[in-house]
Amino acid sequence: MQIRVITVEREYGSGGASIARQLASRLGWKLLDEELTAEIARVAKVDHRAAQRCDERVDSLLSRLFRVYARGSYERALPLGESHAFDTDRMFATLHKVIEDAASRGNCVIVGRGSPFILRERSDVFRVFIYAPIEEKIRRVRALGKSEQEAHQLVEEVDRERASFIRHYFGKEWPHRPLYHVMFNSQYGDERVVEMILEYAKALDQRHADQTAERKSS
């Protein structure tokens, strides 16, 4: 398969992280979700906990935006830490490098973190966006033990601030539809979405192969 990376962008509560995990399992590829934080800490040569805690700095709007955008699960980040040197801009620059390095190695599924924007020039990347109706997102978040009020607040807040993050760092509205190869409604079931992603990725792969053959024969 010529497609070597799949990025999974998602609305909060749409099940995108679970879908990405199933994709990685089906393909036998590496999943890069929460693991990105550890890799950022390693590359930036800071303590792993500092890399996590810097996202919680309430005195920085961008730190707050990065925290909610980069959150790969429904869990809150760790409490505030004392590290101020590792700010959001430095974290973003490091994340940029980590994602590009992962893509160069290939065979990975990357969840969010601006990865479809960072890797938009690569032809071996298949970019996916997962969304769902509000009722479905509330249902999924409530299944994790959140109250009705908490679920509504999270669904609204996280996506609003993800949009702010993308607007600040990439100058685009979120989701930026022309960026994605496909956009799927997860209401039809995670397994079905996984199957469709694999089907469409295979189709794009075949298109690339056909175009390469045409160029060689011309």
Protein backbone atom coordinates (compact mmCIF):
# COMPACT_ATOMS: atom_id res chain seq x y z
CA MET A 1 0.00 0.00 0.00
CA GLN A 2 1.40 3.38 -1.00
CA ILE A 3 -0.61 5.10 1.73
CA ARG A 4 1.74 4.96 4.72
CA VAL A 5 0.00 7.32 7.16
CA ILE A 6 -3.63 7.89 8.13
CA THR A 7 -4.53 11.01 10.10
CA VAL A 8 -7.79 10.94 12.02
CA GLU A 9 -9.23 14.34 12.90
CA ARG A 10 -12.46 14.30 14.89
CA GLU A 11 -15.18 16.19 16.63
CA TYR A 12 -15.14 15.72 20.38
CA GLY A 13 -17.37 12.81 21.36
CA SER A 14 -17.54 11.35 17.85
CA GLY A 15 -15.45 8.30 18.72
CA GLY A 16 -12.53 9.28 16.50
CA ALA A 17 -9.90 8.03 18.95
CA SER A 18 -11.56 4.61 19.14
CA ILE A 19 -11.84 4.43 15.37
CA ALA A 20 -8.16 5.34 15.01
CA ARG A 21 -7.23 2.63 17.49
CA GLN A 22 -9.19 0.02 15.52
CA LEU A 23 -7.62 1.22 12.28
CA ALA A 24 -4.11 0.85 13.68
CA SER A 25 -4.96 -2.62 14.96
CA ARG A 26 -6.39 -3.76 11.61
CA LEU A 27 -3.37 -2.48 9.70
CA GLY A 28 -0.77 -3.56 12.25
CA TRP A 29 0.43 0.05 12.35
CA LYS A 30 1.58 2.22 15.24
CA LEU A 31 -1.06 4.39 16.89
CA LEU A 32 0.07 7.90 17.78
CA ASP A 33 -2.40 9.49 20.15
CA GLU A 34 -1.49 9.99 23.79
CA GLU A 35 1.96 8.58 22.95
CA LEU A 36 2.75 11.86 21.22
CA THR A 37 3.12 13.60 24.57
CA ALA A 38 5.93 11.27 25.62
CA GLU A 39 7.66 11.73 22.28
CA ILE A 40 7.37 15.52 22.53
CA ALA A 41 9.01 15.38 25.96
CA ARG A 42 11.83 13.21 24.63
CA VAL A 43 12.55 15.44 21.62
CA ALA A 44 12.27 18.66 23.64
CA LYS A 45 14.42 17.12 26.41
CA VAL A 46 11.93 17.99 29.14
CA ASP A 47 10.33 15.85 31.81
CA HIS A 48 7.33 13.90 30.54
CA ARG A 49 5.13 15.33 33.26
CA ALA A 50 6.23 18.86 32.34
CA ALA A 51 5.14 18.27 28.75
CA GLN A 52 1.72 17.22 30.02
CA ARG A 53 1.34 19.89 32.67
CA CYS A 54 2.28 22.82 30.44
CA ASP A 55 -1.03 22.34 28.65
CA GLU A 56 -2.85 23.39 31.84
CA ARG A 57 -1.29 26.85 32.24
CA VAL A 58 -4.33 29.02 32.82
CA ASP A 59 -2.37 32.27 32.27
CA SER A 60 -1.99 31.47 28.58
CA LEU A 61 -4.93 31.30 26.18
CA LEU A 62 -2.87 29.32 23.68
CA SER A 63 -1.87 26.81 26.36
CA ARG A 64 -5.54 26.26 27.11
CA LEU A 65 -6.36 25.94 23.41
CA PHE A 66 -3.56 23.44 22.87
CA ARG A 67 -4.67 21.39 25.85
CA VAL A 68 -8.20 20.87 24.62
CA TYR A 69 -7.14 20.41 21.01
CA ALA A 70 -4.41 17.88 21.72
CA ARG A 71 -6.42 15.87 24.21
CA GLY A 72 -6.69 12.44 22.63
CA SER A 73 -9.16 10.98 25.09
CA TYR A 74 -11.97 12.22 27.30
CA GLU A 75 -9.66 12.53 30.30
CA ARG A 76 -8.54 15.84 31.74
CA ALA A 77 -4.82 16.62 31.66
CA LEU A 78 -2.66 16.54 34.78
CA PRO A 79 -2.73 19.36 37.35
CA LEU A 80 -0.75 22.56 36.92
CA GLY A 81 2.98 22.27 37.05
CA GLU A 82 5.82 24.65 37.72
CA SER A 83 7.38 24.50 34.23
CA HIS A 84 7.08 27.81 32.37
CA ALA A 85 9.94 27.40 29.88
CA PHE A 86 8.08 24.75 27.90
CA ASP A 87 5.25 26.92 26.61
CA THR A 88 2.61 26.23 23.98
CA ASP A 89 4.54 27.65 21.04
CA ARG A 90 7.55 25.50 21.86
CA MET A 91 5.27 22.51 22.31
CA PHE A 92 3.69 23.15 18.92
CA ALA A 93 7.06 23.46 17.18
CA THR A 94 8.17 20.20 18.77
CA LEU A 95 4.90 18.50 17.86
CA HIS A 96 5.41 19.62 14.25
CA LYS A 97 8.78 17.85 14.19
CA VAL A 98 7.48 14.73 15.93
CA ILE A 99 4.60 14.33 13.48
CA GLU A 100 6.81 14.88 10.45
CA ASP A 101 9.33 12.34 11.76
CA ALA A 102 6.56 9.80 12.38
CA ALA A 103 5.21 10.31 8.86
CA SER A 104 8.68 9.83 7.36
CA ARG A 105 8.86 6.42 9.06
CA GLY A 106 5.34 5.55 7.94
CA ASN A 107 2.93 2.80 8.96
CA CYS A 108 1.16 4.88 11.59
CA VAL A 109 -2.26 6.30 12.46
CA ILE A 110 -2.06 9.80 13.95
CA VAL A 111 -4.95 11.24 15.96
CA GLY A 112 -5.57 14.97 15.57
CA ARG A 113 -2.95 17.43 16.87
CA GLY A 114 -3.08 19.37 13.61
CA SER A 115 -1.53 16.40 11.79
CA PRO A 116 -3.62 16.71 8.60
CA PHE A 117 -2.46 20.33 8.28
CA ILE A 118 1.17 19.53 9.09
CA LEU A 119 1.24 16.65 6.59
CA ARG A 120 -0.95 18.22 3.90
CA GLU A 121 1.83 18.20 1.26
CA ARG A 122 2.57 14.47 1.58
CA SER A 123 1.00 12.20 -1.06
CA ASP A 124 1.33 9.10 1.15
CA VAL A 125 -1.05 10.45 3.81
CA PHE A 126 -4.78 9.66 3.90
CA ARG A 127 -6.66 12.36 5.84
CA VAL A 128 -9.92 11.48 7.59
CA PHE A 129 -12.42 13.56 9.56
CA ILE A 130 -14.93 11.94 11.94
CA TYR A 131 -18.10 13.73 13.00
CA ALA A 132 -21.45 12.84 14.54
CA PRO A 133 -24.82 14.39 15.37
CA ILE A 134 -24.94 16.18 18.72
CA GLU A 135 -27.15 13.47 20.22
CA GLU A 136 -24.63 10.78 19.34
CA LYS A 137 -21.73 12.76 20.80
CA ILE A 138 -23.63 13.39 24.01
CA ARG A 139 -24.47 9.69 24.24
CA ARG A 140 -20.83 8.66 23.84
CA VAL A 141 -19.56 11.17 26.40
CA ARG A 142 -22.26 10.24 28.91
CA ALA A 143 -21.30 6.58 28.50
CA LEU A 144 -17.97 7.55 30.06
CA GLY A 145 -19.69 8.66 33.24
CA LYS A 146 -20.28 12.34 32.49
CA SER A 147 -23.54 14.02 33.44
CA GLU A 148 -25.86 15.44 30.79
CA GLN A 149 -24.68 18.96 31.61
CA GLU A 150 -20.99 18.00 31.58
CA ALA A 151 -21.39 16.21 28.26
CA HIS A 152 -23.04 19.21 26.60
CA GLN A 153 -20.37 21.55 27.99
CA LEU A 154 -17.47 19.36 26.83
CA VAL A 155 -18.86 18.82 23.35
CA GLU A 156 -19.36 22.54 22.84
CA GLU A 157 -16.20 23.77 24.56
CA VAL A 158 -13.62 21.40 23.14
CA ASP A 159 -14.64 21.79 19.51
CA ARG A 160 -14.88 25.55 19.83
CA GLU A 161 -11.34 25.75 21.17
CA ARG A 162 -10.00 23.25 18.65
CA ALA A 163 -11.30 25.62 16.00
CA SER A 164 -9.49 28.51 17.71
CA PHE A 165 -6.27 26.51 17.78
CA ILE A 166 -6.45 25.75 14.05
CA ARG A 167 -7.34 29.35 13.25
CA HIS A 168 -4.33 30.62 15.20
CA TYR A 169 -1.67 28.20 13.95
CA PHE A 170 -2.90 27.42 10.43
CA GLY A 171 -5.15 30.34 9.51
CA LYS A 172 -8.04 28.05 8.55
CA GLU A 173 -11.54 27.45 9.81
CA TRP A 174 -12.09 24.06 11.45
CA PRO A 175 -12.95 21.65 10.01
CA HIS A 176 -11.28 22.72 6.77
CA ARG A 177 -13.20 20.43 4.43
CA PRO A 178 -10.92 20.65 1.36
CA LEU A 179 -8.12 19.19 3.48
CA TYR A 180 -9.71 15.78 4.06
CA HIS A 181 -10.01 12.89 1.65
CA VAL A 182 -13.16 11.66 3.42
CA MET A 183 -15.48 12.74 6.22
CA PHE A 184 -17.53 10.06 8.00
CA ASN A 185 -20.52 10.14 10.33
CA SER A 186 -19.69 7.74 13.18
CA GLN A 187 -23.37 7.30 14.03
CA TYR A 188 -23.37 4.30 11.71
CA GLY A 189 -20.97 2.44 13.99
CA ASP A 190 -17.23 2.48 14.55
CA GLU A 191 -16.59 -0.84 12.80
CA ARG A 192 -18.44 0.28 9.69
CA VAL A 193 -16.48 3.55 9.62
CA VAL A 194 -13.20 1.62 9.93
CA GLU A 195 -14.21 -0.56 6.98
CA MET A 196 -15.08 2.48 4.88
CA ILE A 197 -11.83 4.25 5.70
CA LEU A 198 -9.85 1.19 4.62
CA GLU A 199 -11.94 0.90 1.47
CA TYR A 200 -11.43 4.54 0.48
CA ALA A 201 -7.72 4.45 1.36
CA LYS A 202 -7.32 1.41 -0.89
CA ALA A 203 -9.15 3.24 -3.69
CA LEU A 204 -6.82 6.24 -3.36
CA ASP A 205 -3.86 3.88 -3.32
CA GLN A 206 -5.04 2.31 -6.58
CA ARG A 207 -5.49 5.74 -8.13
CA HIS A 208 -1.91 6.66 -7.23
CA ALA A 209 -0.68 3.37 -8.72
CA ASP A 210 -2.64 3.95 -11.95
CA GLN A 211 -1.31 7.50 -12.29
CA THR A 212 2.26 6.28 -11.73
CA ALA A 213 1.80 3.61 -14.42
CA GLU A 214 0.39 6.18 -16.83
CA ARG A 215 3.36 8.49 -16.33
CA LYS A 216 5.81 5.65 -16.95
CA SER A 217 4.06 4.55 -20.14
CA SER A 218 3.76 8.05 -21.61
